Amino acid sequence: MADGSVPNPGYVDASSSGSGGEVRHWSVYDGACTLRPRAAMLRSECSCGWTGEPHPVDWAAAGDRPFRESGSRDAGRCLDDWARHTTQVGEGTVPLPAELEILLENVAAAIESLAHDSPTAAIKAARQLEIIAQRTAHWPAHEARTQDPGNVAAALGLNAEDTRSLLARFGGWSPYS
């Protein structure tokens, strides 16, 4: 907002029956209704507390175009800020072996390429990655749980809550225990 605050999730009506849901995507802050305030600026945010530079929204230049179109340039700047932040965070985390980094990048590129020809096959490939992750991270999650939580969170580039949730998911225990 103009004062630098972040609005609550915007409400989007999903049907004529009045049902809908809350959304945090930048494009809903178009001021179209009182439940969706008009954004004065866009900026990236991270669960670690980092916030990117504010990018003012030029509503005069937007004209009659929907905000999802007129604001896409500013949203792109936010994505650039986010990419720089995640790169910096990544540089402070536990390093992966170079050959594994390359392999993971190649797998991601192959799935993205596959998505153009067969979205269903790309989903199947992503599901296979989930299965591999669950199987291979189970015991490491149990081992990491015995270590200092702050060190584990820093090594993963996550905050404490997200680390606890990730370890619980991979380790197969309740995140509330």
N, C-alpha and C. Protein backbone atom coordinates (compact mmCIF):
# COMPACT_ATOMS: atom_id res chain seq x y z
N MET A 1 0.84 -1.17 0.00
CA MET A 1 0.00 0.00 0.00
C MET A 1 0.89 1.24 0.00
N ALA A 2 0.32 2.39 -0.10
CA ALA A 2 1.09 3.64 -0.16
C ALA A 2 1.93 3.85 1.10
N ASP A 3 1.45 3.33 2.23
CA ASP A 3 2.19 3.50 3.49
C ASP A 3 3.24 2.42 3.70
N GLY A 4 3.42 1.53 2.74
CA GLY A 4 4.42 0.47 2.84
C GLY A 4 3.89 -0.82 3.46
N SER A 5 2.66 -0.80 3.95
CA SER A 5 2.09 -2.00 4.57
C SER A 5 1.68 -3.01 3.49
N VAL A 6 1.55 -4.25 3.91
CA VAL A 6 1.12 -5.31 3.00
C VAL A 6 -0.34 -5.62 3.31
N PRO A 7 -1.21 -5.57 2.30
CA PRO A 7 -2.63 -5.81 2.56
C PRO A 7 -2.92 -7.27 2.87
N ASN A 8 -4.07 -7.50 3.45
CA ASN A 8 -4.55 -8.86 3.66
C ASN A 8 -4.80 -9.50 2.30
N PRO A 9 -4.94 -10.83 2.27
CA PRO A 9 -5.26 -11.47 0.99
C PRO A 9 -6.51 -10.85 0.38
N GLY A 10 -6.51 -10.73 -0.94
CA GLY A 10 -7.66 -10.17 -1.65
C GLY A 10 -8.71 -11.24 -1.88
N TYR A 11 -9.96 -10.82 -1.85
CA TYR A 11 -11.07 -11.75 -2.08
C TYR A 11 -11.40 -11.78 -3.56
N VAL A 12 -11.55 -12.96 -4.10
CA VAL A 12 -11.93 -13.11 -5.50
C VAL A 12 -13.20 -13.94 -5.55
N ASP A 13 -14.26 -13.36 -6.13
CA ASP A 13 -15.54 -14.04 -6.27
C ASP A 13 -15.40 -15.08 -7.36
N ALA A 14 -15.68 -16.33 -7.03
CA ALA A 14 -15.49 -17.41 -7.98
C ALA A 14 -16.75 -17.76 -8.78
N SER A 15 -17.90 -17.25 -8.35
CA SER A 15 -19.13 -17.57 -9.07
C SER A 15 -20.20 -16.55 -8.72
N SER A 16 -21.32 -16.66 -9.39
CA SER A 16 -22.43 -15.74 -9.12
C SER A 16 -23.12 -16.06 -7.80
N SER A 17 -22.78 -17.20 -7.19
CA SER A 17 -23.43 -17.58 -5.94
C SER A 17 -22.79 -16.88 -4.74
N GLY A 18 -21.75 -16.12 -4.98
CA GLY A 18 -21.12 -15.39 -3.89
C GLY A 18 -20.01 -16.16 -3.21
N SER A 19 -19.69 -17.33 -3.71
CA SER A 19 -18.56 -18.06 -3.11
C SER A 19 -17.28 -17.63 -3.79
N GLY A 20 -16.22 -17.71 -3.07
CA GLY A 20 -14.93 -17.31 -3.61
C GLY A 20 -13.84 -17.68 -2.65
N GLY A 21 -12.73 -17.01 -2.74
CA GLY A 21 -11.61 -17.32 -1.87
C GLY A 21 -10.64 -16.18 -1.78
N GLU A 22 -9.72 -16.33 -0.85
CA GLU A 22 -8.68 -15.33 -0.65
C GLU A 22 -7.46 -15.67 -1.51
N VAL A 23 -6.86 -14.64 -2.08
CA VAL A 23 -5.72 -14.80 -2.96
C VAL A 23 -4.68 -13.75 -2.60
N ARG A 24 -3.40 -14.13 -2.66
CA ARG A 24 -2.32 -13.18 -2.36
C ARG A 24 -1.55 -12.77 -3.62
N HIS A 25 -1.95 -13.27 -4.78
CA HIS A 25 -1.24 -12.93 -6.01
C HIS A 25 -1.32 -11.42 -6.25
N TRP A 26 -0.23 -10.84 -6.68
CA TRP A 26 -0.15 -9.38 -6.86
C TRP A 26 -1.27 -8.82 -7.73
N SER A 27 -1.70 -9.58 -8.73
CA SER A 27 -2.64 -9.04 -9.71
C SER A 27 -4.05 -8.80 -9.16
N VAL A 28 -4.37 -9.32 -7.98
CA VAL A 28 -5.72 -9.09 -7.43
C VAL A 28 -5.83 -7.73 -6.74
N TYR A 29 -4.73 -7.05 -6.49
CA TYR A 29 -4.78 -5.78 -5.77
C TYR A 29 -5.00 -4.63 -6.75
N ASP A 30 -6.16 -4.68 -7.41
CA ASP A 30 -6.50 -3.72 -8.45
C ASP A 30 -7.55 -2.70 -8.01
N GLY A 31 -8.01 -2.81 -6.77
CA GLY A 31 -9.01 -1.88 -6.26
C GLY A 31 -10.39 -2.08 -6.84
N ALA A 32 -10.64 -3.23 -7.47
CA ALA A 32 -11.93 -3.48 -8.11
C ALA A 32 -13.08 -3.56 -7.12
N CYS A 33 -12.77 -3.87 -5.87
CA CYS A 33 -13.81 -3.89 -4.83
C CYS A 33 -13.15 -3.59 -3.49
N THR A 34 -13.96 -3.35 -2.49
CA THR A 34 -13.41 -2.96 -1.19
C THR A 34 -12.60 -4.08 -0.55
N LEU A 35 -12.84 -5.31 -0.95
CA LEU A 35 -12.09 -6.44 -0.40
C LEU A 35 -10.75 -6.64 -1.11
N ARG A 36 -10.48 -5.82 -2.13
CA ARG A 36 -9.22 -5.89 -2.87
C ARG A 36 -8.70 -4.47 -3.06
N PRO A 37 -7.88 -4.00 -2.12
CA PRO A 37 -7.38 -2.63 -2.24
C PRO A 37 -6.48 -2.46 -3.47
N ARG A 38 -6.30 -1.21 -3.85
CA ARG A 38 -5.49 -0.88 -5.01
C ARG A 38 -4.03 -0.72 -4.58
N ALA A 39 -3.16 -1.49 -5.19
CA ALA A 39 -1.73 -1.46 -4.86
C ALA A 39 -1.10 -0.15 -5.30
N ALA A 40 -0.27 0.40 -4.45
CA ALA A 40 0.50 1.59 -4.81
C ALA A 40 1.87 1.17 -5.34
N MET A 41 2.31 0.00 -4.92
CA MET A 41 3.61 -0.51 -5.35
C MET A 41 3.61 -2.02 -5.22
N LEU A 42 4.55 -2.65 -5.91
CA LEU A 42 4.76 -4.08 -5.80
C LEU A 42 6.17 -4.31 -5.26
N ARG A 43 6.33 -5.34 -4.44
CA ARG A 43 7.66 -5.72 -3.96
C ARG A 43 7.63 -7.19 -3.57
N SER A 44 8.77 -7.81 -3.66
CA SER A 44 8.90 -9.21 -3.27
C SER A 44 9.05 -9.30 -1.76
N GLU A 45 8.64 -10.44 -1.22
CA GLU A 45 8.80 -10.72 0.21
C GLU A 45 9.22 -12.16 0.37
N CYS A 46 9.93 -12.42 1.47
CA CYS A 46 10.39 -13.78 1.77
C CYS A 46 10.02 -14.12 3.20
N SER A 47 9.81 -15.38 3.46
CA SER A 47 9.48 -15.81 4.82
C SER A 47 10.62 -15.57 5.79
N CYS A 48 11.82 -15.31 5.29
CA CYS A 48 12.96 -15.02 6.17
C CYS A 48 12.90 -13.58 6.70
N GLY A 49 11.99 -12.77 6.18
CA GLY A 49 11.87 -11.39 6.62
C GLY A 49 12.38 -10.39 5.60
N TRP A 50 13.07 -10.85 4.57
CA TRP A 50 13.60 -9.97 3.52
C TRP A 50 12.45 -9.39 2.71
N THR A 51 12.58 -8.12 2.33
CA THR A 51 11.66 -7.51 1.38
C THR A 51 12.47 -6.82 0.29
N GLY A 52 11.98 -6.92 -0.91
CA GLY A 52 12.66 -6.30 -2.04
C GLY A 52 12.34 -4.82 -2.13
N GLU A 53 12.93 -4.19 -3.11
CA GLU A 53 12.69 -2.77 -3.36
C GLU A 53 11.25 -2.57 -3.84
N PRO A 54 10.61 -1.49 -3.41
CA PRO A 54 9.25 -1.22 -3.91
C PRO A 54 9.30 -0.71 -5.36
N HIS A 55 8.38 -1.19 -6.16
CA HIS A 55 8.25 -0.76 -7.55
C HIS A 55 6.89 -0.09 -7.69
N PRO A 56 6.86 1.25 -7.76
CA PRO A 56 5.57 1.98 -7.83
C PRO A 56 4.74 1.56 -9.04
N VAL A 57 3.43 1.46 -8.83
CA VAL A 57 2.50 1.10 -9.89
C VAL A 57 2.03 2.41 -10.54
N ASP A 58 2.15 2.49 -11.86
CA ASP A 58 1.71 3.68 -12.60
C ASP A 58 0.30 3.41 -13.14
N TRP A 59 -0.69 3.74 -12.33
CA TRP A 59 -2.08 3.48 -12.72
C TRP A 59 -2.50 4.34 -13.90
N ALA A 60 -1.93 5.52 -14.05
CA ALA A 60 -2.29 6.39 -15.18
C ALA A 60 -1.87 5.75 -16.50
N ALA A 61 -0.70 5.13 -16.52
CA ALA A 61 -0.22 4.49 -17.74
C ALA A 61 -0.99 3.19 -18.04
N ALA A 62 -1.61 2.62 -17.01
CA ALA A 62 -2.32 1.35 -17.19
C ALA A 62 -3.54 1.51 -18.08
N GLY A 63 -4.16 2.67 -18.03
CA GLY A 63 -5.38 2.88 -18.83
C GLY A 63 -6.46 1.90 -18.43
N ASP A 64 -7.08 1.30 -19.42
CA ASP A 64 -8.17 0.36 -19.17
C ASP A 64 -7.70 -1.09 -19.11
N ARG A 65 -6.41 -1.30 -19.25
CA ARG A 65 -5.90 -2.68 -19.23
C ARG A 65 -6.03 -3.28 -17.84
N PRO A 66 -6.32 -4.58 -17.76
CA PRO A 66 -6.38 -5.25 -16.46
C PRO A 66 -5.01 -5.16 -15.77
N PHE A 67 -5.02 -5.15 -14.45
CA PHE A 67 -3.78 -5.03 -13.69
C PHE A 67 -2.82 -6.18 -13.97
N ARG A 68 -3.34 -7.37 -14.23
CA ARG A 68 -2.46 -8.51 -14.52
C ARG A 68 -1.62 -8.26 -15.77
N GLU A 69 -2.09 -7.37 -16.65
CA GLU A 69 -1.31 -6.98 -17.84
C GLU A 69 -0.48 -5.74 -17.58
N SER A 70 -1.12 -4.71 -17.06
CA SER A 70 -0.42 -3.43 -16.87
C SER A 70 0.65 -3.51 -15.79
N GLY A 71 0.48 -4.40 -14.83
CA GLY A 71 1.46 -4.52 -13.74
C GLY A 71 2.52 -5.57 -13.97
N SER A 72 2.46 -6.26 -15.10
CA SER A 72 3.40 -7.37 -15.32
C SER A 72 4.86 -6.92 -15.38
N ARG A 73 5.09 -5.71 -15.87
CA ARG A 73 6.48 -5.22 -15.93
C ARG A 73 7.05 -5.03 -14.52
N ASP A 74 6.24 -4.42 -13.63
CA ASP A 74 6.68 -4.25 -12.25
C ASP A 74 6.81 -5.60 -11.54
N ALA A 75 5.89 -6.50 -11.84
CA ALA A 75 5.97 -7.84 -11.26
C ALA A 75 7.25 -8.54 -11.72
N GLY A 76 7.63 -8.32 -12.97
CA GLY A 76 8.89 -8.88 -13.48
C GLY A 76 10.09 -8.34 -12.73
N ARG A 77 10.05 -7.07 -12.38
CA ARG A 77 11.13 -6.48 -11.58
C ARG A 77 11.19 -7.14 -10.21
N CYS A 78 10.03 -7.42 -9.65
CA CYS A 78 9.98 -8.11 -8.35
C CYS A 78 10.58 -9.51 -8.48
N LEU A 79 10.30 -10.19 -9.57
CA LEU A 79 10.88 -11.51 -9.79
C LEU A 79 12.40 -11.43 -9.91
N ASP A 80 12.90 -10.37 -10.54
CA ASP A 80 14.35 -10.17 -10.62
C ASP A 80 14.94 -9.97 -9.22
N ASP A 81 14.27 -9.15 -8.40
CA ASP A 81 14.70 -8.95 -7.01
C ASP A 81 14.72 -10.28 -6.27
N TRP A 82 13.66 -11.05 -6.46
CA TRP A 82 13.53 -12.34 -5.80
C TRP A 82 14.66 -13.28 -6.23
N ALA A 83 14.97 -13.30 -7.51
CA ALA A 83 16.03 -14.16 -8.01
C ALA A 83 17.37 -13.79 -7.37
N ARG A 84 17.64 -12.50 -7.25
CA ARG A 84 18.88 -12.06 -6.59
C ARG A 84 18.90 -12.50 -5.13
N HIS A 85 17.77 -12.34 -4.45
CA HIS A 85 17.70 -12.74 -3.04
C HIS A 85 17.93 -14.24 -2.88
N THR A 86 17.23 -15.04 -3.67
CA THR A 86 17.38 -16.49 -3.52
C THR A 86 18.78 -16.96 -3.90
N THR A 87 19.42 -16.26 -4.83
CA THR A 87 20.81 -16.58 -5.15
C THR A 87 21.71 -16.30 -3.96
N GLN A 88 21.50 -15.15 -3.31
CA GLN A 88 22.30 -14.81 -2.13
C GLN A 88 22.06 -15.81 -1.01
N VAL A 89 20.81 -16.17 -0.78
CA VAL A 89 20.49 -17.15 0.26
C VAL A 89 21.15 -18.49 -0.10
N GLY A 90 21.03 -18.87 -1.35
CA GLY A 90 21.61 -20.14 -1.79
C GLY A 90 23.12 -20.21 -1.60
N GLU A 91 23.79 -19.07 -1.75
CA GLU A 91 25.24 -19.03 -1.57
C GLU A 91 25.63 -19.27 -0.12
N GLY A 92 24.71 -19.05 0.81
CA GLY A 92 25.00 -19.25 2.22
C GLY A 92 24.54 -20.59 2.75
N THR A 93 24.00 -21.43 1.89
CA THR A 93 23.49 -22.73 2.33
C THR A 93 24.53 -23.82 2.08
N VAL A 94 24.20 -25.01 2.56
CA VAL A 94 25.10 -26.15 2.36
C VAL A 94 25.24 -26.40 0.85
N PRO A 95 26.45 -26.50 0.35
CA PRO A 95 26.62 -26.69 -1.10
C PRO A 95 26.30 -28.12 -1.53
N LEU A 96 25.80 -28.22 -2.73
CA LEU A 96 25.60 -29.53 -3.34
C LEU A 96 26.80 -29.82 -4.24
N PRO A 97 27.14 -31.08 -4.42
CA PRO A 97 28.20 -31.40 -5.38
C PRO A 97 27.83 -30.88 -6.77
N ALA A 98 28.82 -30.34 -7.46
CA ALA A 98 28.58 -29.73 -8.78
C ALA A 98 27.88 -30.67 -9.74
N GLU A 99 28.28 -31.94 -9.74
CA GLU A 99 27.65 -32.88 -10.67
C GLU A 99 26.18 -33.11 -10.35
N LEU A 100 25.80 -33.05 -9.07
CA LEU A 100 24.40 -33.19 -8.70
C LEU A 100 23.62 -31.93 -9.10
N GLU A 101 24.21 -30.75 -8.91
CA GLU A 101 23.57 -29.50 -9.35
C GLU A 101 23.26 -29.56 -10.84
N ILE A 102 24.24 -29.99 -11.63
CA ILE A 102 24.06 -30.08 -13.09
C ILE A 102 22.97 -31.09 -13.43
N LEU A 103 22.99 -32.23 -12.76
CA LEU A 103 21.98 -33.25 -13.01
C LEU A 103 20.57 -32.73 -12.70
N LEU A 104 20.42 -32.04 -11.56
CA LEU A 104 19.11 -31.49 -11.19
C LEU A 104 18.66 -30.41 -12.17
N GLU A 105 19.58 -29.56 -12.61
CA GLU A 105 19.23 -28.55 -13.62
C GLU A 105 18.79 -29.20 -14.91
N ASN A 106 19.47 -30.27 -15.32
CA ASN A 106 19.10 -30.97 -16.55
C ASN A 106 17.73 -31.64 -16.42
N VAL A 107 17.45 -32.22 -15.26
CA VAL A 107 16.15 -32.84 -15.03
C VAL A 107 15.05 -31.78 -15.10
N ALA A 108 15.27 -30.64 -14.44
CA ALA A 108 14.27 -29.56 -14.47
C ALA A 108 14.04 -29.08 -15.89
N ALA A 109 15.11 -28.89 -16.65
CA ALA A 109 14.97 -28.44 -18.04
C ALA A 109 14.23 -29.47 -18.89
N ALA A 110 14.51 -30.74 -18.65
CA ALA A 110 13.85 -31.79 -19.42
C ALA A 110 12.35 -31.83 -19.11
N ILE A 111 11.98 -31.65 -17.85
CA ILE A 111 10.56 -31.66 -17.49
C ILE A 111 9.87 -30.44 -18.07
N GLU A 112 10.51 -29.27 -18.01
CA GLU A 112 9.91 -28.07 -18.60
C GLU A 112 9.73 -28.23 -20.10
N SER A 113 10.68 -28.84 -20.77
CA SER A 113 10.57 -29.09 -22.20
C SER A 113 9.44 -30.09 -22.48
N LEU A 114 9.38 -31.13 -21.68
CA LEU A 114 8.33 -32.13 -21.83
C LEU A 114 6.95 -31.52 -21.66
N ALA A 115 6.84 -30.53 -20.79
CA ALA A 115 5.54 -29.90 -20.52
C ALA A 115 4.94 -29.26 -21.76
N HIS A 116 5.79 -28.82 -22.69
CA HIS A 116 5.28 -28.22 -23.92
C HIS A 116 4.61 -29.25 -24.82
N ASP A 117 5.16 -30.47 -24.83
CA ASP A 117 4.62 -31.52 -25.68
C ASP A 117 3.55 -32.35 -24.99
N SER A 118 3.76 -32.61 -23.70
CA SER A 118 2.83 -33.47 -22.96
C SER A 118 2.77 -33.05 -21.50
N PRO A 119 1.85 -32.14 -21.18
CA PRO A 119 1.72 -31.71 -19.78
C PRO A 119 1.52 -32.87 -18.82
N THR A 120 0.76 -33.88 -19.24
CA THR A 120 0.51 -35.02 -18.37
C THR A 120 1.79 -35.79 -18.08
N ALA A 121 2.61 -35.98 -19.09
CA ALA A 121 3.89 -36.67 -18.88
C ALA A 121 4.80 -35.84 -17.96
N ALA A 122 4.75 -34.52 -18.09
CA ALA A 122 5.55 -33.66 -17.21
C ALA A 122 5.09 -33.79 -15.76
N ILE A 123 3.79 -33.90 -15.56
CA ILE A 123 3.26 -34.10 -14.21
C ILE A 123 3.70 -35.45 -13.67
N LYS A 124 3.67 -36.46 -14.52
CA LYS A 124 4.12 -37.79 -14.10
C LYS A 124 5.60 -37.74 -13.69
N ALA A 125 6.41 -37.04 -14.45
CA ALA A 125 7.84 -36.92 -14.13
C ALA A 125 8.04 -36.18 -12.80
N ALA A 126 7.27 -35.10 -12.60
CA ALA A 126 7.37 -34.36 -11.34
C ALA A 126 6.92 -35.23 -10.17
N ARG A 127 5.91 -36.05 -10.39
CA ARG A 127 5.46 -36.97 -9.34
C ARG A 127 6.55 -37.97 -9.01
N GLN A 128 7.26 -38.45 -10.03
CA GLN A 128 8.38 -39.37 -9.78
C GLN A 128 9.46 -38.70 -8.92
N LEU A 129 9.69 -37.41 -9.16
CA LEU A 129 10.66 -36.67 -8.34
C LEU A 129 10.20 -36.60 -6.89
N GLU A 130 8.89 -36.40 -6.68
CA GLU A 130 8.36 -36.39 -5.32
C GLU A 130 8.60 -37.72 -4.62
N ILE A 131 8.38 -38.80 -5.34
CA ILE A 131 8.58 -40.14 -4.76
C ILE A 131 10.05 -40.35 -4.42
N ILE A 132 10.92 -39.96 -5.33
CA ILE A 132 12.37 -40.08 -5.07
C ILE A 132 12.77 -39.24 -3.87
N ALA A 133 12.25 -38.01 -3.80
CA ALA A 133 12.58 -37.13 -2.67
C ALA A 133 12.12 -37.74 -1.36
N GLN A 134 10.91 -38.24 -1.32
CA GLN A 134 10.38 -38.83 -0.08
C GLN A 134 11.23 -40.03 0.34
N ARG A 135 11.57 -40.88 -0.61
CA ARG A 135 12.33 -42.09 -0.32
C ARG A 135 13.75 -41.78 0.13
N THR A 136 14.40 -40.84 -0.55
CA THR A 136 15.81 -40.58 -0.26
C THR A 136 16.04 -39.62 0.90
N ALA A 137 15.03 -38.85 1.28
CA ALA A 137 15.22 -37.86 2.34
C ALA A 137 14.69 -38.32 3.70
N HIS A 138 14.10 -39.50 3.76
CA HIS A 138 13.51 -39.97 5.02
C HIS A 138 14.54 -40.04 6.15
N TRP A 139 15.58 -40.79 5.97
CA TRP A 139 16.57 -40.95 7.04
C TRP A 139 17.42 -39.70 7.23
N PRO A 140 17.79 -38.99 6.19
CA PRO A 140 18.49 -37.71 6.43
C PRO A 140 17.64 -36.74 7.25
N ALA A 141 16.33 -36.74 7.06
CA ALA A 141 15.47 -35.86 7.87
C ALA A 141 15.53 -36.25 9.34
N HIS A 142 15.54 -37.55 9.61
CA HIS A 142 15.65 -38.01 11.00
C HIS A 142 16.99 -37.61 11.60
N GLU A 143 18.05 -37.71 10.82
CA GLU A 143 19.37 -37.32 11.31
C GLU A 143 19.43 -35.80 11.54
N ALA A 144 18.89 -35.03 10.60
CA ALA A 144 18.91 -33.56 10.74
C ALA A 144 18.10 -33.11 11.94
N ARG A 145 17.07 -33.88 12.29
CA ARG A 145 16.22 -33.53 13.44
C ARG A 145 17.00 -33.56 14.75
N THR A 146 18.08 -34.33 14.79
CA THR A 146 18.89 -34.43 16.01
C THR A 146 19.92 -33.30 16.12
N GLN A 147 20.06 -32.52 15.07
CA GLN A 147 21.05 -31.44 15.04
C GLN A 147 20.44 -30.13 15.51
N ASP A 148 21.29 -29.12 15.69
CA ASP A 148 20.82 -27.80 16.11
C ASP A 148 19.85 -27.24 15.07
N PRO A 149 18.60 -26.93 15.45
CA PRO A 149 17.60 -26.46 14.48
C PRO A 149 18.02 -25.20 13.74
N GLY A 150 18.70 -24.28 14.41
CA GLY A 150 19.15 -23.05 13.75
C GLY A 150 20.18 -23.33 12.66
N ASN A 151 21.09 -24.25 12.94
CA ASN A 151 22.10 -24.61 11.94
C ASN A 151 21.48 -25.31 10.74
N VAL A 152 20.51 -26.19 11.02
CA VAL A 152 19.83 -26.90 9.92
C VAL A 152 19.08 -25.91 9.05
N ALA A 153 18.35 -24.98 9.67
CA ALA A 153 17.59 -23.98 8.91
C ALA A 153 18.52 -23.13 8.06
N ALA A 154 19.63 -22.69 8.63
CA ALA A 154 20.58 -21.87 7.86
C ALA A 154 21.18 -22.66 6.70
N ALA A 155 21.50 -23.91 6.94
CA ALA A 155 22.09 -24.74 5.89
C ALA A 155 21.13 -24.97 4.74
N LEU A 156 19.83 -24.99 5.06
CA LEU A 156 18.82 -25.19 4.02
C LEU A 156 18.32 -23.89 3.41
N GLY A 157 18.65 -22.76 4.04
CA GLY A 157 18.18 -21.48 3.54
C GLY A 157 16.71 -21.24 3.83
N LEU A 158 16.22 -21.82 4.94
CA LEU A 158 14.83 -21.70 5.32
C LEU A 158 14.72 -21.08 6.70
N ASN A 159 13.52 -20.62 7.05
CA ASN A 159 13.30 -20.18 8.43
C ASN A 159 13.00 -21.41 9.28
N ALA A 160 12.94 -21.24 10.60
CA ALA A 160 12.78 -22.37 11.52
C ALA A 160 11.48 -23.13 11.27
N GLU A 161 10.38 -22.41 11.06
CA GLU A 161 9.09 -23.07 10.85
C GLU A 161 9.07 -23.89 9.57
N ASP A 162 9.59 -23.32 8.48
CA ASP A 162 9.62 -24.05 7.21
C ASP A 162 10.55 -25.27 7.29
N THR A 163 11.64 -25.13 8.04
CA THR A 163 12.57 -26.25 8.21
C THR A 163 11.89 -27.38 8.98
N ARG A 164 11.21 -27.03 10.07
CA ARG A 164 10.50 -28.03 10.87
C ARG A 164 9.46 -28.75 10.01
N SER A 165 8.73 -28.00 9.19
CA SER A 165 7.71 -28.59 8.33
C SER A 165 8.33 -29.51 7.27
N LEU A 166 9.43 -29.08 6.68
CA LEU A 166 10.11 -29.89 5.66
C LEU A 166 10.63 -31.19 6.25
N LEU A 167 11.30 -31.10 7.39
CA LEU A 167 11.83 -32.31 8.03
C LEU A 167 10.70 -33.26 8.41
N ALA A 168 9.59 -32.72 8.91
CA ALA A 168 8.45 -33.56 9.29
C ALA A 168 7.87 -34.25 8.06
N ARG A 169 7.75 -33.52 6.98
CA ARG A 169 7.20 -34.12 5.75
C ARG A 169 8.08 -35.24 5.24
N PHE A 170 9.40 -34.98 5.16
CA PHE A 170 10.30 -36.02 4.68
C PHE A 170 10.49 -37.13 5.69
N GLY A 171 10.48 -36.81 6.98
CA GLY A 171 10.69 -37.81 8.01
C GLY A 171 9.47 -38.61 8.38
N GLY A 172 8.29 -38.11 8.01
CA GLY A 172 7.07 -38.86 8.24
C GLY A 172 6.50 -38.68 9.65
N TRP A 173 6.76 -37.56 10.29
CA TRP A 173 6.18 -37.30 11.62
C TRP A 173 5.35 -36.03 11.55
N SER A 174 4.59 -35.78 12.59
CA SER A 174 3.75 -34.60 12.64
C SER A 174 4.62 -33.36 12.82
N PRO A 175 4.34 -32.29 12.08
CA PRO A 175 5.12 -31.06 12.26
C PRO A 175 4.83 -30.39 13.60
N TYR A 176 3.82 -30.86 14.30
CA TYR A 176 3.45 -30.27 15.58
C TYR A 176 4.08 -30.98 16.76
N SER A 177 4.81 -32.06 16.49
CA SER A 177 5.43 -32.80 17.59
C SER A 177 6.82 -32.28 17.90
